[in-house]
Amino acid sequence: PGQYSVSFILKASSTTMGSLKLEVNDFENATDIPILAESSISQGNFTHIGMWTDISLDFVLTPQQSESGKLEFRGVDVVGGPFSLDYVRVTYLSPSIG
């Protein structure tokens, strides 16, 4: 449990159009998927087209959520493209305050 940051290392090309939603969720089952963080991105989020770009989201993981050990880091609701993913990095920031 605690506060985390997830970095999606992505790249867009000069032909990238549309958008992509980045999402962090605590996957319990197909009917219960609490979203911990999300952000919609487009070509405008990339300052250097064709270069790998770090797009980060912060999220809090509660003790109950951490028990499952089933986090998902994904790109959903893609419209257009192409978007390329190199890797995902998760960084522990601090304990939850509560």
N, C-alpha and C. Protein backbone atom coordinates (compact mmCIF):
# COMPACT_ATOMS: atom_id res chain seq x y z
N PRO A 1 0.83 -1.20 0.00
CA PRO A 1 0.00 0.00 0.00
C PRO A 1 0.87 1.26 0.00
N GLY A 2 0.31 2.32 -0.52
CA GLY A 2 1.02 3.59 -0.53
C GLY A 2 0.76 4.38 -1.78
N GLN A 3 1.57 5.42 -1.96
CA GLN A 3 1.47 6.27 -3.14
C GLN A 3 2.53 5.85 -4.14
N TYR A 4 2.13 5.78 -5.40
CA TYR A 4 3.01 5.31 -6.47
C TYR A 4 2.91 6.24 -7.67
N SER A 5 3.92 6.14 -8.52
CA SER A 5 3.89 6.79 -9.82
C SER A 5 4.17 5.71 -10.86
N VAL A 6 3.41 5.71 -11.92
CA VAL A 6 3.65 4.79 -13.03
C VAL A 6 4.02 5.61 -14.25
N SER A 7 5.09 5.20 -14.93
CA SER A 7 5.54 5.86 -16.14
C SER A 7 5.33 4.93 -17.32
N PHE A 8 4.57 5.40 -18.28
CA PHE A 8 4.40 4.69 -19.54
C PHE A 8 5.40 5.31 -20.52
N ILE A 9 6.31 4.53 -21.05
CA ILE A 9 7.30 5.05 -21.99
C ILE A 9 6.75 4.79 -23.39
N LEU A 10 6.30 5.88 -24.03
CA LEU A 10 5.56 5.79 -25.29
C LEU A 10 6.21 6.64 -26.38
N LYS A 11 5.83 6.33 -27.61
CA LYS A 11 6.31 7.09 -28.75
C LYS A 11 5.16 7.29 -29.73
N ALA A 12 5.10 8.47 -30.32
CA ALA A 12 4.15 8.76 -31.39
C ALA A 12 4.95 9.09 -32.64
N SER A 13 4.35 8.88 -33.78
CA SER A 13 5.03 9.19 -35.04
C SER A 13 4.42 10.44 -35.66
N SER A 14 5.00 10.87 -36.76
CA SER A 14 4.47 12.06 -37.44
C SER A 14 3.10 11.79 -38.04
N THR A 15 2.74 10.52 -38.16
CA THR A 15 1.42 10.17 -38.71
C THR A 15 0.40 9.81 -37.62
N THR A 16 0.81 9.90 -36.34
CA THR A 16 -0.10 9.56 -35.24
C THR A 16 -1.27 10.53 -35.21
N MET A 17 -2.45 9.98 -35.17
CA MET A 17 -3.69 10.74 -35.06
C MET A 17 -4.51 10.12 -33.94
N GLY A 18 -5.48 10.86 -33.42
CA GLY A 18 -6.40 10.29 -32.45
C GLY A 18 -5.89 10.35 -31.03
N SER A 19 -6.33 9.39 -30.22
CA SER A 19 -6.02 9.41 -28.79
C SER A 19 -5.93 8.00 -28.23
N LEU A 20 -5.41 7.95 -27.02
CA LEU A 20 -5.22 6.71 -26.28
C LEU A 20 -5.45 7.04 -24.81
N LYS A 21 -6.18 6.20 -24.09
CA LYS A 21 -6.35 6.41 -22.66
C LYS A 21 -5.43 5.46 -21.91
N LEU A 22 -4.57 6.02 -21.05
CA LEU A 22 -3.73 5.22 -20.16
C LEU A 22 -4.49 4.99 -18.87
N GLU A 23 -4.35 3.78 -18.33
CA GLU A 23 -5.17 3.43 -17.17
C GLU A 23 -4.39 2.52 -16.23
N VAL A 24 -4.58 2.75 -14.93
CA VAL A 24 -4.09 1.86 -13.88
C VAL A 24 -5.32 1.39 -13.14
N ASN A 25 -5.47 0.06 -13.01
CA ASN A 25 -6.62 -0.43 -12.27
C ASN A 25 -6.24 -1.60 -11.38
N ASP A 26 -7.11 -1.83 -10.41
CA ASP A 26 -6.97 -2.93 -9.46
C ASP A 26 -7.93 -4.02 -9.92
N PHE A 27 -7.44 -4.90 -10.78
CA PHE A 27 -8.30 -5.90 -11.41
C PHE A 27 -8.71 -6.97 -10.42
N GLU A 28 -9.97 -6.93 -9.99
CA GLU A 28 -10.51 -7.95 -9.08
C GLU A 28 -11.18 -9.05 -9.87
N ASN A 29 -12.08 -8.65 -10.76
CA ASN A 29 -12.76 -9.59 -11.66
C ASN A 29 -13.38 -8.76 -12.78
N ALA A 30 -13.98 -9.42 -13.73
CA ALA A 30 -14.47 -8.72 -14.92
C ALA A 30 -15.59 -7.72 -14.63
N THR A 31 -16.25 -7.82 -13.49
CA THR A 31 -17.34 -6.89 -13.17
C THR A 31 -16.95 -5.84 -12.15
N ASP A 32 -15.75 -5.96 -11.55
CA ASP A 32 -15.31 -5.02 -10.52
C ASP A 32 -13.88 -4.59 -10.82
N ILE A 33 -13.72 -3.49 -11.56
CA ILE A 33 -12.39 -3.03 -11.94
C ILE A 33 -12.22 -1.58 -11.50
N PRO A 34 -11.83 -1.35 -10.23
CA PRO A 34 -11.63 0.02 -9.76
C PRO A 34 -10.46 0.69 -10.50
N ILE A 35 -10.73 1.85 -11.10
CA ILE A 35 -9.69 2.60 -11.80
C ILE A 35 -8.97 3.48 -10.78
N LEU A 36 -7.66 3.30 -10.68
CA LEU A 36 -6.85 4.05 -9.72
C LEU A 36 -6.29 5.34 -10.32
N ALA A 37 -6.07 5.35 -11.64
CA ALA A 37 -5.58 6.54 -12.34
C ALA A 37 -5.85 6.37 -13.82
N GLU A 38 -6.09 7.50 -14.51
CA GLU A 38 -6.28 7.44 -15.96
C GLU A 38 -5.99 8.80 -16.56
N SER A 39 -5.60 8.77 -17.83
CA SER A 39 -5.32 10.01 -18.55
C SER A 39 -5.44 9.73 -20.04
N SER A 40 -6.10 10.63 -20.75
CA SER A 40 -6.19 10.53 -22.20
C SER A 40 -5.04 11.33 -22.81
N ILE A 41 -4.37 10.73 -23.79
CA ILE A 41 -3.25 11.39 -24.45
C ILE A 41 -3.48 11.43 -25.96
N SER A 42 -2.79 12.35 -26.61
CA SER A 42 -2.83 12.47 -28.06
C SER A 42 -1.43 12.88 -28.52
N GLN A 43 -1.27 13.12 -29.80
CA GLN A 43 0.04 13.51 -30.33
C GLN A 43 0.57 14.77 -29.63
N GLY A 44 -0.32 15.63 -29.15
CA GLY A 44 0.09 16.84 -28.45
C GLY A 44 0.85 16.59 -27.15
N ASN A 45 0.76 15.38 -26.57
CA ASN A 45 1.48 15.05 -25.35
C ASN A 45 2.95 14.73 -25.62
N PHE A 46 3.33 14.65 -26.88
CA PHE A 46 4.69 14.27 -27.25
C PHE A 46 5.42 15.50 -27.78
N THR A 47 6.42 15.97 -27.02
CA THR A 47 7.15 17.17 -27.42
C THR A 47 8.14 16.88 -28.54
N HIS A 48 8.59 15.63 -28.62
CA HIS A 48 9.54 15.23 -29.66
C HIS A 48 8.97 14.01 -30.38
N ILE A 49 8.35 14.23 -31.51
CA ILE A 49 7.75 13.15 -32.28
C ILE A 49 8.83 12.15 -32.69
N GLY A 50 8.53 10.87 -32.53
CA GLY A 50 9.48 9.82 -32.89
C GLY A 50 10.46 9.47 -31.79
N MET A 51 10.37 10.16 -30.63
CA MET A 51 11.27 9.88 -29.50
C MET A 51 10.46 9.29 -28.35
N TRP A 52 11.09 8.41 -27.57
CA TRP A 52 10.41 7.83 -26.41
C TRP A 52 10.12 8.93 -25.39
N THR A 53 8.90 8.93 -24.87
CA THR A 53 8.43 9.98 -23.96
C THR A 53 7.85 9.34 -22.71
N ASP A 54 8.21 9.88 -21.55
CA ASP A 54 7.73 9.40 -20.26
C ASP A 54 6.43 10.12 -19.92
N ILE A 55 5.33 9.38 -19.87
CA ILE A 55 4.04 9.94 -19.47
C ILE A 55 3.66 9.27 -18.16
N SER A 56 3.59 10.06 -17.08
CA SER A 56 3.43 9.51 -15.73
C SER A 56 2.06 9.80 -15.14
N LEU A 57 1.59 8.86 -14.33
CA LEU A 57 0.35 9.00 -13.57
C LEU A 57 0.66 8.61 -12.12
N ASP A 58 0.10 9.34 -11.17
CA ASP A 58 0.23 8.98 -9.76
C ASP A 58 -1.04 8.28 -9.31
N PHE A 59 -0.88 7.33 -8.39
CA PHE A 59 -2.04 6.64 -7.83
C PHE A 59 -1.75 6.18 -6.41
N VAL A 60 -2.83 5.92 -5.67
CA VAL A 60 -2.74 5.42 -4.30
C VAL A 60 -3.30 4.01 -4.27
N LEU A 61 -2.57 3.12 -3.63
CA LEU A 61 -2.99 1.73 -3.47
C LEU A 61 -3.30 1.50 -2.00
N THR A 62 -4.55 1.15 -1.70
CA THR A 62 -4.96 0.92 -0.31
C THR A 62 -4.48 -0.46 0.16
N PRO A 63 -4.45 -0.70 1.48
CA PRO A 63 -4.08 -2.04 1.96
C PRO A 63 -5.00 -3.12 1.38
N GLN A 64 -6.28 -2.84 1.26
CA GLN A 64 -7.21 -3.83 0.70
C GLN A 64 -6.89 -4.13 -0.76
N GLN A 65 -6.59 -3.10 -1.53
CA GLN A 65 -6.27 -3.30 -2.94
C GLN A 65 -4.95 -4.04 -3.11
N SER A 66 -3.99 -3.79 -2.23
CA SER A 66 -2.69 -4.43 -2.37
C SER A 66 -2.75 -5.92 -2.07
N GLU A 67 -3.77 -6.36 -1.34
CA GLU A 67 -3.91 -7.78 -1.03
C GLU A 67 -4.09 -8.64 -2.28
N SER A 68 -4.78 -8.12 -3.28
CA SER A 68 -5.04 -8.90 -4.49
C SER A 68 -3.77 -9.10 -5.31
N GLY A 69 -2.89 -8.10 -5.31
CA GLY A 69 -1.68 -8.20 -6.12
C GLY A 69 -1.95 -8.20 -7.61
N LYS A 70 -3.11 -7.70 -8.02
CA LYS A 70 -3.51 -7.76 -9.43
C LYS A 70 -3.72 -6.36 -10.01
N LEU A 71 -2.64 -5.67 -10.24
CA LEU A 71 -2.73 -4.36 -10.89
C LEU A 71 -2.57 -4.53 -12.39
N GLU A 72 -3.28 -3.69 -13.15
CA GLU A 72 -3.12 -3.64 -14.59
C GLU A 72 -2.69 -2.25 -15.00
N PHE A 73 -1.76 -2.18 -15.93
CA PHE A 73 -1.28 -0.93 -16.50
C PHE A 73 -1.52 -1.07 -17.99
N ARG A 74 -2.48 -0.30 -18.53
CA ARG A 74 -2.87 -0.57 -19.90
C ARG A 74 -3.25 0.69 -20.67
N GLY A 75 -3.28 0.52 -21.97
CA GLY A 75 -3.79 1.53 -22.88
C GLY A 75 -5.11 1.03 -23.45
N VAL A 76 -6.15 1.84 -23.33
CA VAL A 76 -7.49 1.43 -23.77
C VAL A 76 -8.12 2.55 -24.60
N ASP A 77 -9.25 2.25 -25.18
CA ASP A 77 -10.03 3.24 -25.95
C ASP A 77 -9.16 3.94 -27.00
N VAL A 78 -8.41 3.16 -27.74
CA VAL A 78 -7.55 3.71 -28.78
C VAL A 78 -8.40 4.17 -29.95
N VAL A 79 -8.17 5.39 -30.37
CA VAL A 79 -8.81 5.94 -31.57
C VAL A 79 -7.67 6.41 -32.46
N GLY A 80 -7.52 5.81 -33.62
CA GLY A 80 -6.44 6.19 -34.53
C GLY A 80 -5.14 5.49 -34.16
N GLY A 81 -4.06 6.26 -34.10
CA GLY A 81 -2.75 5.71 -33.80
C GLY A 81 -1.79 6.10 -34.90
N PRO A 82 -0.62 5.50 -34.99
CA PRO A 82 -0.11 4.50 -34.06
C PRO A 82 0.57 5.12 -32.84
N PHE A 83 0.48 4.41 -31.72
CA PHE A 83 1.21 4.72 -30.49
C PHE A 83 2.07 3.50 -30.19
N SER A 84 3.32 3.69 -29.81
CA SER A 84 4.22 2.58 -29.48
C SER A 84 4.54 2.61 -28.00
N LEU A 85 4.57 1.43 -27.36
CA LEU A 85 4.91 1.29 -25.94
C LEU A 85 6.23 0.55 -25.81
N ASP A 86 7.18 1.13 -25.09
CA ASP A 86 8.47 0.48 -24.84
C ASP A 86 8.39 -0.32 -23.54
N TYR A 87 8.05 0.36 -22.43
CA TYR A 87 7.92 -0.33 -21.15
C TYR A 87 7.12 0.52 -20.17
N VAL A 88 6.79 -0.10 -19.03
CA VAL A 88 6.06 0.57 -17.93
C VAL A 88 6.94 0.46 -16.69
N ARG A 89 7.12 1.57 -15.97
CA ARG A 89 7.93 1.58 -14.74
C ARG A 89 7.06 2.07 -13.59
N VAL A 90 7.06 1.33 -12.49
CA VAL A 90 6.31 1.71 -11.30
C VAL A 90 7.29 2.11 -10.21
N THR A 91 7.04 3.28 -9.60
CA THR A 91 7.91 3.81 -8.56
C THR A 91 7.11 4.04 -7.29
N TYR A 92 7.61 3.50 -6.19
CA TYR A 92 6.99 3.73 -4.87
C TYR A 92 7.38 5.13 -4.40
N LEU A 93 6.40 5.95 -4.02
CA LEU A 93 6.66 7.32 -3.59
C LEU A 93 6.67 7.48 -2.08
N SER A 94 5.61 6.97 -1.42
CA SER A 94 5.52 7.13 0.03
C SER A 94 4.36 6.29 0.57
N PRO A 95 4.32 6.12 1.90
CA PRO A 95 3.19 5.42 2.49
C PRO A 95 1.90 6.24 2.31
N SER A 96 0.79 5.57 2.31
CA SER A 96 -0.50 6.29 2.25
C SER A 96 -0.70 7.06 3.53
N ILE A 97 -1.29 8.23 3.40
CA ILE A 97 -1.64 9.02 4.58
C ILE A 97 -3.12 8.85 4.81
N GLY A 98 -3.48 8.38 5.95
CA GLY A 98 -4.89 8.15 6.16
C GLY A 98 -5.18 7.90 7.53
